[in-house]
Amino acid sequence: LVFGSETKGLPESALKDCSGEALGGGTIRIPMVETYVRCLNLSVSVGVALYEAARQLNYEQLQYQPDLPEEAQGLFPAEDIYG
């Protein structure tokens, strides 16, 4: 994974390199609502990307289901509601 600067993103040469199949075949942008948010900082962007990569790879620790008291059972979704 390659991340650009918070203010300018990746340089054109890096974007061109990333579009080739040999180096991954494309780029991905994190969708954002334009209202009230100027930008995501780099550390938050890395966290979003790593979580999504782990989710897509079915990382076993993301499947952990804690033993909750009966009154809390419905508070946490058991399936991927965003997938």
Protein backbone atom coordinates (compact mmCIF):
# COMPACT_ATOMS: atom_id res chain seq x y z
CA LEU A 1 0.00 0.00 0.00
CA VAL A 2 1.25 3.46 -0.90
CA PHE A 3 -0.17 6.62 0.65
CA GLY A 4 0.24 10.20 -0.53
CA SER A 5 0.69 13.34 1.50
CA GLU A 6 -2.28 14.74 3.40
CA THR A 7 -2.40 17.91 1.34
CA LYS A 8 -1.39 16.84 -2.18
CA GLY A 9 -1.92 13.09 -2.47
CA LEU A 10 0.43 11.08 -4.67
CA PRO A 11 2.56 12.74 -7.35
CA GLU A 12 1.50 12.13 -10.97
CA SER A 13 4.48 9.83 -11.58
CA ALA A 14 3.45 7.59 -8.67
CA LEU A 15 -0.17 7.51 -9.86
CA LYS A 16 1.03 6.48 -13.32
CA ASP A 17 3.23 3.73 -11.85
CA CYS A 18 0.35 2.44 -9.70
CA SER A 19 -1.97 2.16 -12.70
CA GLY A 20 0.23 -0.54 -14.28
CA GLU A 21 -0.62 -4.19 -13.64
CA ALA A 22 2.93 -4.95 -12.46
CA LEU A 23 2.54 -2.66 -9.43
CA GLY A 24 -1.01 -3.46 -8.38
CA GLY A 25 -3.18 -2.29 -11.21
CA GLY A 26 -4.88 0.76 -9.79
CA THR A 27 -5.58 3.25 -7.07
CA ILE A 28 -8.34 3.51 -4.51
CA ARG A 29 -9.73 6.64 -2.93
CA ILE A 30 -11.44 6.74 0.45
CA PRO A 31 -14.90 8.22 -0.13
CA MET A 32 -15.69 11.25 2.02
CA VAL A 33 -18.66 13.50 2.52
CA GLU A 34 -17.55 16.99 1.53
CA THR A 35 -19.60 18.71 4.22
CA TYR A 36 -17.67 19.67 7.39
CA VAL A 37 -14.62 17.49 6.66
CA ARG A 38 -11.49 19.00 5.17
CA CYS A 39 -9.40 15.83 4.98
CA LEU A 40 -8.48 12.62 6.73
CA ASN A 41 -5.01 12.64 8.23
CA LEU A 42 -2.55 10.03 7.07
CA SER A 43 -2.75 7.83 10.16
CA VAL A 44 -6.55 7.59 9.93
CA SER A 45 -6.31 6.79 6.20
CA VAL A 46 -3.80 4.01 6.89
CA GLY A 47 -6.08 2.59 9.58
CA VAL A 48 -9.08 2.60 7.22
CA ALA A 49 -7.08 0.87 4.47
CA LEU A 50 -5.55 -1.75 6.75
CA TYR A 51 -8.90 -2.58 8.35
CA GLU A 52 -10.54 -2.98 4.93
CA ALA A 53 -7.66 -5.16 3.69
CA ALA A 54 -7.93 -7.35 6.80
CA ARG A 55 -11.71 -7.59 6.39
CA GLN A 56 -11.40 -8.67 2.76
CA LEU A 57 -8.81 -11.29 3.70
CA ASN A 58 -11.11 -12.63 6.47
CA TYR A 59 -8.53 -11.92 9.17
CA GLU A 60 -9.53 -14.30 11.96
CA GLN A 61 -9.33 -11.76 14.79
CA LEU A 62 -12.02 -9.68 13.06
CA GLN A 63 -14.37 -12.65 13.41
CA TYR A 64 -14.11 -12.67 17.22
CA GLN A 65 -17.54 -12.76 18.87
CA PRO A 66 -17.33 -11.99 22.60
CA ASP A 67 -19.61 -13.68 25.12
CA LEU A 68 -22.04 -10.89 25.98
CA PRO A 69 -24.73 -10.77 28.64
CA GLU A 70 -28.19 -11.55 27.24
CA GLU A 71 -29.34 -7.91 27.50
CA ALA A 72 -26.42 -6.81 25.27
CA GLN A 73 -26.83 -9.48 22.56
CA GLY A 74 -28.73 -7.24 20.11
CA LEU A 75 -26.45 -4.22 20.48
CA PHE A 76 -23.66 -5.45 18.21
CA PRO A 77 -24.25 -6.70 14.62
CA ALA A 78 -23.05 -10.26 14.06
CA GLU A 79 -22.68 -9.95 10.28
CA ASP A 80 -20.93 -7.54 7.94
CA ILE A 81 -23.67 -4.99 7.28
CA TYR A 82 -21.43 -2.94 4.96
CA GLY A 83 -20.18 -5.76 2.70
